[in-house]
C-alpha cells in the first residue's frame, strides 16, 4: 500500500523560506516520478513542480521558477520542495503525488498521478 506523508508546512512571512518533505512508503521509491501540487479552496489543484524517477528531469510552474527547487533522496525515500522568496500568493495546501507506473518522466497533470498525500498547509503573510 503506497503512502505519502507531507510535512514542513507552516506560517512564514513574505520573503521567507520553507522546506516541504514527502516521505513515501509501500513500494520502491527510487523508480517512480513524483510531483508537488497546491490547491486553494474552490480552486483546481495545480502543479508546482515534478521530478522524474532518475532525478535528471524536473518541471516547474512558471509562478515558482527560480524560487522553488524540487529534489529527491532515494536513500531516505523522500522528496523535497525547497521554497524561497515566498509570496502571499504561494499560500495553499501543498500535496505530494506519485504515479502508478515506474520509470516515468516529469508529469504535470493531476490525472497522471494515482497516489496523494494528505496535504500540508503553507501560509505566507504579507
PDB file of N, CA and C in Angstrom:
ATOM      1  N   UNK A   1       0.846  -1.188   0.000  1.00  0.00           N
ATOM      2  CA  UNK A   1       0.000   0.000   0.000  1.00  0.00           C
ATOM      3  C   UNK A   1       0.883   1.240   0.000  1.00  0.00           C
ATOM      4  N   UNK A   2       0.720   2.068  -1.017  1.00  0.00           N
ATOM      5  CA  UNK A   2       1.536   3.271  -1.132  1.00  0.00           C
ATOM      6  C   UNK A   2       1.017   4.324  -0.171  1.00  0.00           C
ATOM      7  N   UNK A   3       1.935   4.904   0.581  1.00  0.00           N
ATOM      8  CA  UNK A   3       1.582   6.011   1.478  1.00  0.00           C
ATOM      9  C   UNK A   3       2.535   7.165   1.243  1.00  0.00           C
ATOM     10  N   UNK A   4       1.974   8.364   1.207  1.00  0.00           N
ATOM     11  CA  UNK A   4       2.744   9.593   1.053  1.00  0.00           C
ATOM     12  C   UNK A   4       2.377  10.513   2.207  1.00  0.00           C
ATOM     13  N   UNK A   5       3.382  11.010   2.895  1.00  0.00           N
ATOM     14  CA  UNK A   5       3.135  11.861   4.053  1.00  0.00           C
ATOM     15  C   UNK A   5       3.953  13.138   3.913  1.00  0.00           C
ATOM     16  N   UNK A   6       3.238  14.275   3.799  1.00  0.00           N
ATOM     17  CA  UNK A   6       3.915  15.575   3.707  1.00  0.00           C
ATOM     18  C   UNK A   6       4.166  16.144   5.094  1.00  0.00           C
ATOM     19  N   UNK A   7       5.206  16.961   5.171  1.00  0.00           N
ATOM     20  CA  UNK A   7       5.495  17.703   6.394  1.00  0.00           C
ATOM     21  C   UNK A   7       6.277  18.955   6.020  1.00  0.00           C
ATOM     22  N   UNK A   8       6.374  19.866   6.982  1.00  0.00           N
ATOM     23  CA  UNK A   8       7.189  21.061   6.781  1.00  0.00           C
ATOM     24  C   UNK A   8       6.418  22.335   6.498  1.00  0.00           C
ATOM     25  N   UNK A   9       5.104  22.233   6.374  1.00  0.00           N
ATOM     26  CA  UNK A   9       4.322  23.439   6.154  1.00  0.00           C
ATOM     27  C   UNK A   9       4.274  24.303   7.398  1.00  0.00           C
ATOM     28  N   UNK A  10       3.725  25.506   7.235  1.00  0.00           N
ATOM     29  CA  UNK A  10       3.607  26.405   8.367  1.00  0.00           C
ATOM     30  C   UNK A  10       3.326  27.814   7.930  1.00  0.00           C
ATOM     31  N   UNK A  11       3.502  28.729   8.873  1.00  0.00           N
ATOM     32  CA  UNK A  11       3.278  30.153   8.634  1.00  0.00           C
ATOM     33  C   UNK A  11       4.627  30.846   8.510  1.00  0.00           C
ATOM     34  N   UNK A  12       4.793  31.633   7.462  1.00  0.00           N
ATOM     35  CA  UNK A  12       6.055  32.328   7.239  1.00  0.00           C
ATOM     36  C   UNK A  12       5.752  33.698   6.652  1.00  0.00           C
ATOM     37  N   UNK A  13       6.624  34.642   6.901  1.00  0.00           N
ATOM     38  CA  UNK A  13       6.457  35.976   6.335  1.00  0.00           C
ATOM     39  C   UNK A  13       6.911  35.988   4.873  1.00  0.00           C
ATOM     40  N   UNK A  14       6.357  36.908   4.121  1.00  0.00           N
ATOM     41  CA  UNK A  14       6.776  37.079   2.738  1.00  0.00           C
ATOM     42  C   UNK A  14       8.287  37.291   2.669  1.00  0.00           C
ATOM     43  N   UNK A  15       8.909  36.630   1.700  1.00  0.00           N
ATOM     44  CA  UNK A  15      10.352  36.683   1.567  1.00  0.00           C
ATOM     45  C   UNK A  15      11.071  35.570   2.286  1.00  0.00           C
ATOM     46  N   UNK A  16      10.351  34.844   3.116  1.00  0.00           N
ATOM     47  CA  UNK A  16      10.947  33.757   3.880  1.00  0.00           C
ATOM     48  C   UNK A  16      11.025  32.457   3.099  1.00  0.00           C
ATOM     49  N   UNK A  17      11.449  31.403   3.797  1.00  0.00           N
ATOM     50  CA  UNK A  17      11.660  30.093   3.174  1.00  0.00           C
ATOM     51  C   UNK A  17      11.024  28.992   4.009  1.00  0.00           C
ATOM     52  N   UNK A  18      10.653  27.941   3.316  1.00  0.00           N
ATOM     53  CA  UNK A  18      10.201  26.704   3.948  1.00  0.00           C
ATOM     54  C   UNK A  18      10.713  25.539   3.116  1.00  0.00           C
ATOM     55  N   UNK A  19      10.884  24.391   3.756  1.00  0.00           N
ATOM     56  CA  UNK A  19      11.195  23.173   3.015  1.00  0.00           C
ATOM     57  C   UNK A  19      10.148  22.119   3.339  1.00  0.00           C
ATOM     58  N   UNK A  20       9.459  21.691   2.319  1.00  0.00           N
ATOM     59  CA  UNK A  20       8.478  20.620   2.476  1.00  0.00           C
ATOM     60  C   UNK A  20       9.144  19.277   2.204  1.00  0.00           C
ATOM     61  N   UNK A  21       8.688  18.274   2.926  1.00  0.00           N
ATOM     62  CA  UNK A  21       9.153  16.905   2.719  1.00  0.00           C
ATOM     63  C   UNK A  21       7.966  16.011   2.409  1.00  0.00           C
ATOM     64  N   UNK A  22       8.224  14.996   1.608  1.00  0.00           N
ATOM     65  CA  UNK A  22       7.215  13.982   1.301  1.00  0.00           C
ATOM     66  C   UNK A  22       7.858  12.622   1.501  1.00  0.00           C
ATOM     67  N   UNK A  23       7.470  11.947   2.564  1.00  0.00           N
ATOM     68  CA  UNK A  23       8.002  10.624   2.858  1.00  0.00           C
ATOM     69  C   UNK A  23       7.112   9.567   2.231  1.00  0.00           C
ATOM     70  N   UNK A  24       7.724   8.684   1.443  1.00  0.00           N
ATOM     71  CA  UNK A  24       6.972   7.656   0.722  1.00  0.00           C
ATOM     72  C   UNK A  24       7.264   6.278   1.302  1.00  0.00           C
ATOM     73  N   UNK A  25       6.265   5.433   1.266  1.00  0.00           N
ATOM     74  CA  UNK A  25       6.439   4.044   1.710  1.00  0.00           C
ATOM     75  C   UNK A  25       5.491   3.150   0.936  1.00  0.00           C
ATOM     76  N   UNK A  26       5.762   1.858   1.009  1.00  0.00           N
ATOM     77  CA  UNK A  26       4.865   0.890   0.388  1.00  0.00           C
ATOM     78  C   UNK A  26       5.343   0.327  -0.936  1.00  0.00           C
ATOM     79  N   UNK A  27       6.364   0.951  -1.521  1.00  0.00           N
ATOM     80  CA  UNK A  27       6.932   0.397  -2.749  1.00  0.00           C
ATOM     81  C   UNK A  27       8.318   1.007  -2.957  1.00  0.00           C
ATOM     82  N   UNK A  28       9.008   0.582  -4.021  1.00  0.00           N
ATOM     83  CA  UNK A  28      10.373   1.042  -4.272  1.00  0.00           C
ATOM     84  C   UNK A  28      10.355   2.479  -4.771  1.00  0.00           C
ATOM     85  N   UNK A  29      10.701   3.394  -3.893  1.00  0.00           N
ATOM     86  CA  UNK A  29      10.574   4.826  -4.165  1.00  0.00           C
ATOM     87  C   UNK A  29      11.390   5.268  -5.367  1.00  0.00           C
ATOM     88  N   UNK A  30      12.598   4.755  -5.503  1.00  0.00           N
ATOM     89  CA  UNK A  30      13.567   5.334  -6.436  1.00  0.00           C
ATOM     90  C   UNK A  30      13.190   5.169  -7.902  1.00  0.00           C
ATOM     91  N   UNK A  31      12.224   4.344  -8.234  1.00  0.00           N
ATOM     92  CA  UNK A  31      11.904   4.121  -9.643  1.00  0.00           C
ATOM     93  C   UNK A  31      10.638   4.863 -10.082  1.00  0.00           C
ATOM     94  N   UNK A  32      10.109   5.731  -9.222  1.00  0.00           N
ATOM     95  CA  UNK A  32       8.870   6.446  -9.551  1.00  0.00           C
ATOM     96  C   UNK A  32       9.092   7.947  -9.603  1.00  0.00           C
ATOM     97  N   UNK A  33       8.508   8.561 -10.631  1.00  0.00           N
ATOM     98  CA  UNK A  33       8.432  10.016 -10.666  1.00  0.00           C
ATOM     99  C   UNK A  33       7.578  10.504  -9.497  1.00  0.00           C
ATOM    100  N   UNK A  34       7.743  11.777  -9.177  1.00  0.00           N
ATOM    101  CA  UNK A  34       6.985  12.366  -8.073  1.00  0.00           C
ATOM    102  C   UNK A  34       6.605  13.798  -8.452  1.00  0.00           C
ATOM    103  N   UNK A  35       5.603  14.315  -7.752  1.00  0.00           N
ATOM    104  CA  UNK A  35       5.199  15.690  -8.038  1.00  0.00           C
ATOM    105  C   UNK A  35       4.684  16.413  -6.817  1.00  0.00           C
ATOM    106  N   UNK A  36       4.743  17.731  -6.878  1.00  0.00           N
ATOM    107  CA  UNK A  36       4.153  18.618  -5.868  1.00  0.00           C
ATOM    108  C   UNK A  36       3.035  19.424  -6.516  1.00  0.00           C
ATOM    109  N   UNK A  37       1.906  19.484  -5.850  1.00  0.00           N
ATOM    110  CA  UNK A  37       0.769  20.274  -6.288  1.00  0.00           C
ATOM    111  C   UNK A  37       0.331  21.181  -5.150  1.00  0.00           C
ATOM    112  N   UNK A  38      -0.479  22.184  -5.475  1.00  0.00           N
ATOM    113  CA  UNK A  38      -1.075  23.003  -4.435  1.00  0.00           C
ATOM    114  C   UNK A  38      -2.508  23.336  -4.811  1.00  0.00           C
ATOM    115  N   UNK A  39      -3.276  23.663  -3.801  1.00  0.00           N
ATOM    116  CA  UNK A  39      -4.696  23.918  -4.026  1.00  0.00           C
ATOM    117  C   UNK A  39      -5.229  24.921  -3.023  1.00  0.00           C
ATOM    118  N   UNK A  40      -6.005  25.854  -3.531  1.00  0.00           N
ATOM    119  CA  UNK A  40      -6.745  26.795  -2.708  1.00  0.00           C
ATOM    120  C   UNK A  40      -8.202  26.354  -2.658  1.00  0.00           C
ATOM    121  N   UNK A  41      -8.943  26.744  -1.625  1.00  0.00           N
ATOM    122  CA  UNK A  41     -10.367  26.403  -1.572  1.00  0.00           C
ATOM    123  C   UNK A  41     -11.104  26.848  -2.823  1.00  0.00           C
ATOM    124  N   UNK A  42     -11.924  25.978  -3.364  1.00  0.00           N
ATOM    125  CA  UNK A  42     -12.739  26.261  -4.539  1.00  0.00           C
ATOM    126  C   UNK A  42     -11.902  26.488  -5.801  1.00  0.00           C
ATOM    127  N   UNK A  43     -10.646  26.067  -5.757  1.00  0.00           N
ATOM    128  CA  UNK A  43      -9.784  26.168  -6.935  1.00  0.00           C
ATOM    129  C   UNK A  43      -9.318  24.776  -7.332  1.00  0.00           C
ATOM    130  N   UNK A  44      -8.940  24.640  -8.590  1.00  0.00           N
ATOM    131  CA  UNK A  44      -8.395  23.362  -9.035  1.00  0.00           C
ATOM    132  C   UNK A  44      -6.976  23.161  -8.507  1.00  0.00           C
ATOM    133  N   UNK A  45      -6.633  21.901  -8.336  1.00  0.00           N
ATOM    134  CA  UNK A  45      -5.278  21.583  -7.900  1.00  0.00           C
ATOM    135  C   UNK A  45      -4.325  21.900  -9.053  1.00  0.00           C
ATOM    136  N   UNK A  46      -3.213  22.574  -8.743  1.00  0.00           N
ATOM    137  CA  UNK A  46      -2.285  22.965  -9.795  1.00  0.00           C
ATOM    138  C   UNK A  46      -0.890  22.430  -9.522  1.00  0.00           C
ATOM    139  N   UNK A  47      -0.194  22.133 -10.596  1.00  0.00           N
ATOM    140  CA  UNK A  47       1.165  21.636 -10.479  1.00  0.00           C
ATOM    141  C   UNK A  47       2.084  22.737  -9.964  1.00  0.00           C
ATOM    142  N   UNK A  48       2.980  22.357  -9.088  1.00  0.00           N
ATOM    143  CA  UNK A  48       4.023  23.263  -8.612  1.00  0.00           C
ATOM    144  C   UNK A  48       5.359  22.833  -9.215  1.00  0.00           C
ATOM    145  N   UNK A  49       5.696  21.554  -9.027  1.00  0.00           N
ATOM    146  CA  UNK A  49       6.956  21.030  -9.534  1.00  0.00           C
ATOM    147  C   UNK A  49       6.855  19.513  -9.605  1.00  0.00           C
ATOM    148  N   UNK A  50       7.666  18.935 -10.466  1.00  0.00           N
ATOM    149  CA  UNK A  50       7.726  17.479 -10.540  1.00  0.00           C
ATOM    150  C   UNK A  50       9.144  17.052 -10.881  1.00  0.00           C
ATOM    151  N   UNK A  51       9.432  15.785 -10.585  1.00  0.00           N
ATOM    152  CA  UNK A  51      10.772  15.263 -10.783  1.00  0.00           C
ATOM    153  C   UNK A  51      10.665  13.846 -11.329  1.00  0.00           C
ATOM    154  N   UNK A  52      11.517  13.539 -12.302  1.00  0.00           N
ATOM    155  CA  UNK A  52      11.488  12.213 -12.909  1.00  0.00           C
ATOM    156  C   UNK A  52      12.034  11.166 -11.952  1.00  0.00           C
ATOM    157  N   UNK A  53      11.853   9.907 -12.314  1.00  0.00           N
ATOM    158  CA  UNK A  53      12.291   8.831 -11.430  1.00  0.00           C
ATOM    159  C   UNK A  53      13.795   8.887 -11.192  1.00  0.00           C
ATOM    160  N   UNK A  54      14.552   9.296 -12.213  1.00  0.00           N
ATOM    161  CA  UNK A  54      16.010   9.349 -12.088  1.00  0.00           C
ATOM    162  C   UNK A  54      16.491  10.620 -11.407  1.00  0.00           C
ATOM    163  N   UNK A  55      15.616  11.598 -11.335  1.00  0.00           N
ATOM    164  CA  UNK A  55      16.023  12.890 -10.789  1.00  0.00           C
ATOM    165  C   UNK A  55      16.649  13.813 -11.825  1.00  0.00           C
ATOM    166  N   UNK A  56      16.880  13.289 -13.019  1.00  0.00           N
ATOM    167  CA  UNK A  56      17.544  14.086 -14.051  1.00  0.00           C
ATOM    168  C   UNK A  56      16.614  15.128 -14.657  1.00  0.00           C
ATOM    169  N   UNK A  57      15.326  14.860 -14.622  1.00  0.00           N
ATOM    170  CA  UNK A  57      14.361  15.784 -15.203  1.00  0.00           C
ATOM    171  C   UNK A  57      13.505  16.427 -14.143  1.00  0.00           C
ATOM    172  N   UNK A  58      13.293  17.730 -14.286  1.00  0.00           N
ATOM    173  CA  UNK A  58      12.409  18.455 -13.376  1.00  0.00           C
ATOM    174  C   UNK A  58      11.523  19.399 -14.183  1.00  0.00           C
ATOM    175  N   UNK A  59      10.390  19.739 -13.580  1.00  0.00           N
ATOM    176  CA  UNK A  59       9.471  20.709 -14.177  1.00  0.00           C
ATOM    177  C   UNK A  59       9.020  21.666 -13.086  1.00  0.00           C
ATOM    178  N   UNK A  60       8.879  22.933 -13.460  1.00  0.00           N
ATOM    179  CA  UNK A  60       8.380  23.940 -12.519  1.00  0.00           C
ATOM    180  C   UNK A  60       7.294  24.772 -13.182  1.00  0.00           C
ATOM    181  N   UNK A  61       6.274  25.082 -12.423  1.00  0.00           N
ATOM    182  CA  UNK A  61       5.296  26.047 -12.886  1.00  0.00           C
ATOM    183  C   UNK A  61       5.976  27.409 -13.030  1.00  0.00           C
ATOM    184  N   UNK A  62       5.513  28.182 -13.984  1.00  0.00           N
ATOM    185  CA  UNK A  62       6.133  29.493 -14.217  1.00  0.00           C
ATOM    186  C   UNK A  62       6.125  30.355 -12.957  1.00  0.00           C
ATOM    187  N   UNK A  63       5.088  30.212 -12.167  1.00  0.00           N
ATOM    188  CA  UNK A  63       4.931  31.063 -10.993  1.00  0.00           C
ATOM    189  C   UNK A  63       5.974  30.793  -9.907  1.00  0.00           C
ATOM    190  N   UNK A  64       6.661  29.652  -9.984  1.00  0.00           N
ATOM    191  CA  UNK A  64       7.629  29.319  -8.928  1.00  0.00           C
ATOM    192  C   UNK A  64       9.052  29.175  -9.451  1.00  0.00           C
ATOM    193  N   UNK A  65       9.236  29.279 -10.753  1.00  0.00           N
ATOM    194  CA  UNK A  65      10.574  29.135 -11.329  1.00  0.00           C
ATOM    195  C   UNK A  65      11.540  30.130 -10.718  1.00  0.00           C
ATOM    196  N   UNK A  66      12.722  29.637 -10.371  1.00  0.00           N
ATOM    197  CA  UNK A  66      13.738  30.493  -9.793  1.00  0.00           C
ATOM    198  C   UNK A  66      13.601  30.674  -8.287  1.00  0.00           C
ATOM    199  N   UNK A  67      12.475  30.226  -7.718  1.00  0.00           N
ATOM    200  CA  UNK A  67      12.256  30.368  -6.273  1.00  0.00           C
ATOM    201  C   UNK A  67      12.152  29.010  -5.572  1.00  0.00           C
ATOM    202  N   UNK A  68      11.581  28.024  -6.243  1.00  0.00           N
ATOM    203  CA  UNK A  68      11.380  26.696  -5.654  1.00  0.00           C
ATOM    204  C   UNK A  68      12.323  25.693  -6.306  1.00  0.00           C
ATOM    205  N   UNK A  69      12.728  24.697  -5.527  1.00  0.00           N
ATOM    206  CA  UNK A  69      13.571  23.625  -6.042  1.00  0.00           C
ATOM    207  C   UNK A  69      13.045  22.283  -5.550  1.00  0.00           C
ATOM    208  N   UNK A  70      12.800  21.376  -6.486  1.00  0.00           N
ATOM    209  CA  UNK A  70      12.362  20.032  -6.135  1.00  0.00           C
ATOM    210  C   UNK A  70      13.575  19.102  -6.181  1.00  0.00           C
ATOM    211  N   UNK A  71      13.630  18.182  -5.228  1.00  0.00           N
ATOM    212  CA  UNK A  71      14.731  17.223  -5.182  1.00  0.00           C
ATOM    213  C   UNK A  71      14.227  15.933  -4.537  1.00  0.00           C
ATOM    214  N   UNK A  72      15.049  14.903  -4.616  1.00  0.00           N
ATOM    215  CA  UNK A  72      14.696  13.636  -4.001  1.00  0.00           C
ATOM    216  C   UNK A  72      15.931  12.992  -3.405  1.00  0.00           C
ATOM    217  N   UNK A  73      15.714  12.270  -2.302  1.00  0.00           N
ATOM    218  CA  UNK A  73      16.767  11.491  -1.654  1.00  0.00           C
ATOM    219  C   UNK A  73      16.265  10.055  -1.616  1.00  0.00           C
ATOM    220  N   UNK A  74      16.726   9.264  -2.563  1.00  0.00           N
ATOM    221  CA  UNK A  74      16.218   7.890  -2.670  1.00  0.00           C
ATOM    222  C   UNK A  74      16.617   7.026  -1.473  1.00  0.00           C
ATOM    223  N   UNK A  75      17.728   7.349  -0.844  1.00  0.00           N
ATOM    224  CA  UNK A  75      18.143   6.589   0.339  1.00  0.00           C
ATOM    225  C   UNK A  75      17.167   6.789   1.497  1.00  0.00           C
ATOM    226  N   UNK A  76      16.484   7.936   1.503  1.00  0.00           N
ATOM    227  CA  UNK A  76      15.531   8.247   2.570  1.00  0.00           C
ATOM    228  C   UNK A  76      14.084   8.117   2.114  1.00  0.00           C
ATOM    229  N   UNK A  77      13.883   7.685   0.860  1.00  0.00           N
ATOM    230  CA  UNK A  77      12.521   7.565   0.316  1.00  0.00           C
ATOM    231  C   UNK A  77      11.735   8.865   0.478  1.00  0.00           C
ATOM    232  N   UNK A  78      12.395   9.967   0.200  1.00  0.00           N
ATOM    233  CA  UNK A  78      11.798  11.268   0.469  1.00  0.00           C
ATOM    234  C   UNK A  78      12.027  12.240  -0.691  1.00  0.00           C
ATOM    235  N   UNK A  79      10.990  13.006  -0.989  1.00  0.00           N
ATOM    236  CA  UNK A  79      11.083  14.109  -1.955  1.00  0.00           C
ATOM    237  C   UNK A  79      10.966  15.416  -1.179  1.00  0.00           C
ATOM    238  N   UNK A  80      11.640  16.439  -1.685  1.00  0.00           N
ATOM    239  CA  UNK A  80      11.641  17.729  -1.010  1.00  0.00           C
ATOM    240  C   UNK A  80      11.181  18.834  -1.965  1.00  0.00           C
ATOM    241  N   UNK A  81      10.685  19.912  -1.350  1.00  0.00           N
ATOM    242  CA  UNK A  81      10.406  21.134  -2.100  1.00  0.00           C
ATOM    243  C   UNK A  81      10.961  22.290  -1.275  1.00  0.00           C
ATOM    244  N   UNK A  82      12.076  22.825  -1.725  1.00  0.00           N
ATOM    245  CA  UNK A  82      12.657  23.999  -1.085  1.00  0.00           C
ATOM    246  C   UNK A  82      11.998  25.231  -1.664  1.00  0.00           C
ATOM    247  N   UNK A  83      11.364  26.013  -0.816  1.00  0.00           N
ATOM    248  CA  UNK A  83      10.632  27.189  -1.260  1.00  0.00           C
ATOM    249  C   UNK A  83      11.279  28.436  -0.684  1.00  0.00           C
ATOM    250  N   UNK A  84      11.829  29.260  -1.538  1.00  0.00           N
ATOM    251  CA  UNK A  84      12.471  30.506  -1.141  1.00  0.00           C
ATOM    252  C   UNK A  84      11.697  31.703  -1.676  1.00  0.00           C
ATOM    253  N   UNK A  85      11.985  32.865  -1.128  1.00  0.00           N
ATOM    254  CA  UNK A  85      11.340  34.118  -1.573  1.00  0.00           C
ATOM    255  C   UNK A  85       9.826  33.941  -1.660  1.00  0.00           C
ATOM    256  N   UNK A  86       9.269  33.403  -0.611  1.00  0.00           N
ATOM    257  CA  UNK A  86       7.837  33.106  -0.617  1.00  0.00           C
ATOM    258  C   UNK A  86       6.995  34.371  -0.708  1.00  0.00           C
ATOM    259  N   UNK A  87       5.867  34.230  -1.398  1.00  0.00           N
ATOM    260  CA  UNK A  87       4.946  35.347  -1.612  1.00  0.00           C
ATOM    261  C   UNK A  87       3.574  34.975  -1.028  1.00  0.00           C
ATOM    262  N   UNK A  88       2.761  35.946  -0.686  1.00  0.00           N
ATOM    263  CA  UNK A  88       1.414  35.629  -0.180  1.00  0.00           C
ATOM    264  C   UNK A  88       0.619  34.737  -1.143  1.00  0.00           C
ATOM    265  N   UNK A  89       0.838  34.893  -2.428  1.00  0.00           N
ATOM    266  CA  UNK A  89       0.099  34.078  -3.404  1.00  0.00           C
ATOM    267  C   UNK A  89       0.557  32.622  -3.434  1.00  0.00           C
ATOM    268  N   UNK A  90       1.598  32.282  -2.691  1.00  0.00           N
ATOM    269  CA  UNK A  90       2.010  30.884  -2.546  1.00  0.00           C
ATOM    270  C   UNK A  90       1.189  30.166  -1.471  1.00  0.00           C
ATOM    271  N   UNK A  91       0.375  30.915  -0.743  1.00  0.00           N
ATOM    272  CA  UNK A  91      -0.457  30.320   0.299  1.00  0.00           C
ATOM    273  C   UNK A  91      -1.419  29.301  -0.300  1.00  0.00           C
ATOM    274  N   UNK A  92      -1.368  28.069   0.219  1.00  0.00           N
ATOM    275  CA  UNK A  92      -2.198  26.981  -0.281  1.00  0.00           C
ATOM    276  C   UNK A  92      -1.930  25.734   0.554  1.00  0.00           C
ATOM    277  N   UNK A  93      -2.714  24.709   0.305  1.00  0.00           N
ATOM    278  CA  UNK A  93      -2.385  23.371   0.806  1.00  0.00           C
ATOM    279  C   UNK A  93      -1.522  22.697  -0.257  1.00  0.00           C
ATOM    280  N   UNK A  94      -0.394  22.189   0.160  1.00  0.00           N
ATOM    281  CA  UNK A  94       0.549  21.548  -0.755  1.00  0.00           C
ATOM    282  C   UNK A  94       0.446  20.029  -0.604  1.00  0.00           C
ATOM    283  N   UNK A  95       0.380  19.362  -1.753  1.00  0.00           N
ATOM    284  CA  UNK A  95       0.258  17.907  -1.790  1.00  0.00           C
ATOM    285  C   UNK A  95       1.410  17.299  -2.574  1.00  0.00           C
ATOM    286  N   UNK A  96       1.891  16.145  -2.124  1.00  0.00           N
ATOM    287  CA  UNK A  96       2.794  15.379  -2.974  1.00  0.00           C
ATOM    288  C   UNK A  96       1.999  14.247  -3.610  1.00  0.00           C
ATOM    289  N   UNK A  97       2.503  13.782  -4.742  1.00  0.00           N
ATOM    290  CA  UNK A  97       1.781  12.783  -5.508  1.00  0.00           C
ATOM    291  C   UNK A  97       2.753  11.874  -6.241  1.00  0.00           C
ATOM    292  N   UNK A  98       2.273  10.663  -6.533  1.00  0.00           N
ATOM    293  CA  UNK A  98       3.075   9.682  -7.245  1.00  0.00           C
ATOM    294  C   UNK A  98       2.206   8.942  -8.252  1.00  0.00           C
ATOM    295  N   UNK A  99       2.790   8.581  -9.393  1.00  0.00           N
ATOM    296  CA  UNK A  99       2.024   7.848 -10.401  1.00  0.00           C
ATOM    297  C   UNK A  99       2.012   6.354 -10.120  1.00  0.00           C
ATOM    298  N   UNK A 100       1.197   5.652 -10.878  1.00  0.00           N
ATOM    299  CA  UNK A 100       1.094   4.203 -10.717  1.00  0.00           C
ATOM    300  C   UNK A 100       2.290   3.481 -11.304  1.00  0.00           C
ATOM    301  N   UNK A 101       2.744   3.956 -12.490  1.00  0.00           N
ATOM    302  CA  UNK A 101       3.759   3.212 -13.234  1.00  0.00           C
ATOM    303  C   UNK A 101       5.162   3.758 -12.995  1.00  0.00           C
ATOM    304  N   UNK A 102       6.152   2.869 -12.985  1.00  0.00           N
ATOM    305  CA  UNK A 102       7.527   3.298 -12.741  1.00  0.00           C
ATOM    306  C   UNK A 102       8.212   3.880 -13.979  1.00  0.00           C
ATOM    307  N   UNK A 103       9.402   4.404 -13.753  1.00  0.00           N
ATOM    308  CA  UNK A 103      10.289   4.885 -14.812  1.00  0.00           C
ATOM    309  C   UNK A 103       9.641   5.961 -15.688  1.00  0.00           C
ATOM    310  N   UNK A 104       8.922   6.862 -15.045  1.00  0.00           N
ATOM    311  CA  UNK A 104       8.242   7.912 -15.796  1.00  0.00           C
ATOM    312  C   UNK A 104       9.065   9.179 -15.893  1.00  0.00           C
ATOM    313  N   UNK A 105       8.533  10.112 -16.676  1.00  0.00           N
ATOM    314  CA  UNK A 105       9.180  11.401 -16.844  1.00  0.00           C
ATOM    315  C   UNK A 105       8.638  12.394 -15.849  1.00  0.00           C
ATOM    316  N   UNK A 106       8.571  13.645 -16.264  1.00  0.00           N
ATOM    317  CA  UNK A 106       8.053  14.700 -15.399  1.00  0.00           C
ATOM    318  C   UNK A 106       6.594  14.950 -15.776  1.00  0.00           C
ATOM    319  N   UNK A 107       5.703  14.498 -14.926  1.00  0.00           N
ATOM    320  CA  UNK A 107       4.271  14.629 -15.170  1.00  0.00           C
ATOM    321  C   UNK A 107       3.757  15.933 -14.587  1.00  0.00           C
ATOM    322  N   UNK A 108       2.775  16.536 -15.310  1.00  0.00           N
ATOM    323  CA  UNK A 108       2.297  17.855 -14.915  1.00  0.00           C
ATOM    324  C   UNK A 108       0.817  17.884 -14.545  1.00  0.00           C
ATOM    325  N   UNK A 109       0.061  16.910 -14.991  1.00  0.00           N
ATOM    326  CA  UNK A 109      -1.394  16.943 -14.768  1.00  0.00           C
ATOM    327  C   UNK A 109      -1.794  16.071 -13.589  1.00  0.00           C
ATOM    328  N   UNK A 110      -2.761  16.530 -12.796  1.00  0.00           N
ATOM    329  CA  UNK A 110      -3.196  15.727 -11.640  1.00  0.00           C
ATOM    330  C   UNK A 110      -3.647  14.326 -12.033  1.00  0.00           C
ATOM    331  N   UNK A 111      -4.265  14.176 -13.219  1.00  0.00           N
ATOM    332  CA  UNK A 111      -4.771  12.856 -13.583  1.00  0.00           C
ATOM    333  C   UNK A 111      -3.668  11.888 -14.010  1.00  0.00           C
ATOM    334  N   UNK A 112      -2.435  12.345 -14.015  1.00  0.00           N
ATOM    335  CA  UNK A 112      -1.307  11.454 -14.284  1.00  0.00           C
ATOM    336  C   UNK A 112      -0.779  10.823 -13.000  1.00  0.00           C
ATOM    337  N   UNK A 113      -1.347  11.232 -11.882  1.00  0.00           N
ATOM    338  CA  UNK A 113      -0.914  10.741 -10.577  1.00  0.00           C
ATOM    339  C   UNK A 113      -2.022   9.921  -9.931  1.00  0.00           C
ATOM    340  N   UNK A 114      -1.625   8.861  -9.243  1.00  0.00           N
ATOM    341  CA  UNK A 114      -2.588   7.941  -8.651  1.00  0.00           C
ATOM    342  C   UNK A 114      -2.603   7.973  -7.125  1.00  0.00           C
ATOM    343  N   UNK A 115      -1.515   8.422  -6.531  1.00  0.00           N
ATOM    344  CA  UNK A 115      -1.396   8.410  -5.083  1.00  0.00           C
ATOM    345  C   UNK A 115      -1.108   9.822  -4.594  1.00  0.00           C
ATOM    346  N   UNK A 116      -1.768  10.183  -3.494  1.00  0.00           N
ATOM    347  CA  UNK A 116      -1.681  11.540  -2.962  1.00  0.00           C
ATOM    348  C   UNK A 116      -1.479  11.510  -1.452  1.00  0.00           C
ATOM    349  N   UNK A 117      -0.733  12.480  -0.976  1.00  0.00           N
ATOM    350  CA  UNK A 117      -0.631  12.667   0.456  1.00  0.00           C
ATOM    351  C   UNK A 117      -1.828  13.425   0.989  1.00  0.00           C
ATOM    352  N   UNK A 118      -1.810  13.678   2.286  1.00  0.00           N
ATOM    353  CA  UNK A 118      -2.941  14.339   2.929  1.00  0.00           C
ATOM    354  C   UNK A 118      -2.856  15.862   2.839  1.00  0.00           C
ATOM    355  N   UNK A 119      -1.705  16.362   2.454  1.00  0.00           N
ATOM    356  CA  UNK A 119      -1.519  17.793   2.289  1.00  0.00           C
ATOM    357  C   UNK A 119      -0.935  18.459   3.521  1.00  0.00           C
ATOM    358  N   UNK A 120      -0.236  19.558   3.281  1.00  0.00           N
ATOM    359  CA  UNK A 120       0.315  20.371   4.366  1.00  0.00           C
ATOM    360  C   UNK A 120       0.066  21.838   4.030  1.00  0.00           C
ATOM    361  N   UNK A 121      -0.394  22.594   5.016  1.00  0.00           N
ATOM    362  CA  UNK A 121      -0.764  23.994   4.792  1.00  0.00           C
ATOM    363  C   UNK A 121       0.468  24.882   4.805  1.00  0.00           C
ATOM    364  N   UNK A 122       0.573  25.717   3.802  1.00  0.00           N
ATOM    365  CA  UNK A 122       1.594  26.762   3.754  1.00  0.00           C
ATOM    366  C   UNK A 122       0.872  28.104   3.721  1.00  0.00           C
ATOM    367  N   UNK A 123       1.190  28.963   4.668  1.00  0.00           N
ATOM    368  CA  UNK A 123       0.583  30.286   4.739  1.00  0.00           C
ATOM    369  C   UNK A 123       1.689  31.328   4.753  1.00  0.00           C
ATOM    370  N   UNK A 124       1.625  32.251   3.804  1.00  0.00           N
ATOM    371  CA  UNK A 124       2.625  33.305   3.685  1.00  0.00           C
ATOM    372  C   UNK A 124       1.947  34.630   3.981  1.00  0.00           C
ATOM    373  N   UNK A 125       2.403  35.286   5.023  1.00  0.00           N
ATOM    374  CA  UNK A 125       1.801  36.562   5.408  1.00  0.00           C
ATOM    375  C   UNK A 125       2.553  37.718   4.757  1.00  0.00           C
ATOM    376  N   UNK A 126       1.811  38.776   4.492  1.00  0.00           N
ATOM    377  CA  UNK A 126       2.418  39.937   3.821  1.00  0.00           C
ATOM    378  C   UNK A 126       2.951  40.937   4.822  1.00  0.00           C
TER     379      UNK A 126
END
